[in-house]
Amino acid sequence: LEYMNARNLQSYANILVTQPRRVAATSLADRVAVERSSPSPGKPGSIVGYNVRLSRAVADNAKIVYCTVGILLRMLVNPSENYSPTTDEAGNIGFSNPLSSLSHVVIDEVHERDLNT
C-alpha cells in the first residue's frame, strides 16, 4: 500500500491478505488499522478490514482486507456467491466478480498445514 501511495496509485489498491486462523486475521486487521491511524476495521473511513467465518468488518473504502484461507477458497470455488450487482453507464445491471478487482493477493503463513492449504 505504501508503494502505491508513493506513486499516487492508492485508488487502484485492493489487497487481500490471508491468515490461517480467524483470530490472526481479526487481530492483525486491528493492529494494522492502529498503525495506519485508521478507524477500526469496518468503521466508516477505515482502510483496513477483515472477513472471516461468521464475522465481516469491511468498510466500502477498505484497501487491505484480511481473511482466512477458507474465505479465499470459497471465493475461488464458488464466485457466484461473491458477485455483487453493478450498473453500467447505460443503466444495465450486471455482476462483477470481486476477485477481478483485487490488485494483490498475499497468502501468509502458507507453511501452516491445513486442509485448505
Foldseek 3Di string as FASTA:
>chain_A
DVVCVVVVNLQLAAEEEADADPVCQQVVQQVVQVVVVAPRFQDPGGQGWEDEPPDTRHYPNHRYYYYHLVVVVCCVVPQVVVWDWDADPVRDIDTDRVVVSHPYYHYPPPVDDDPSD
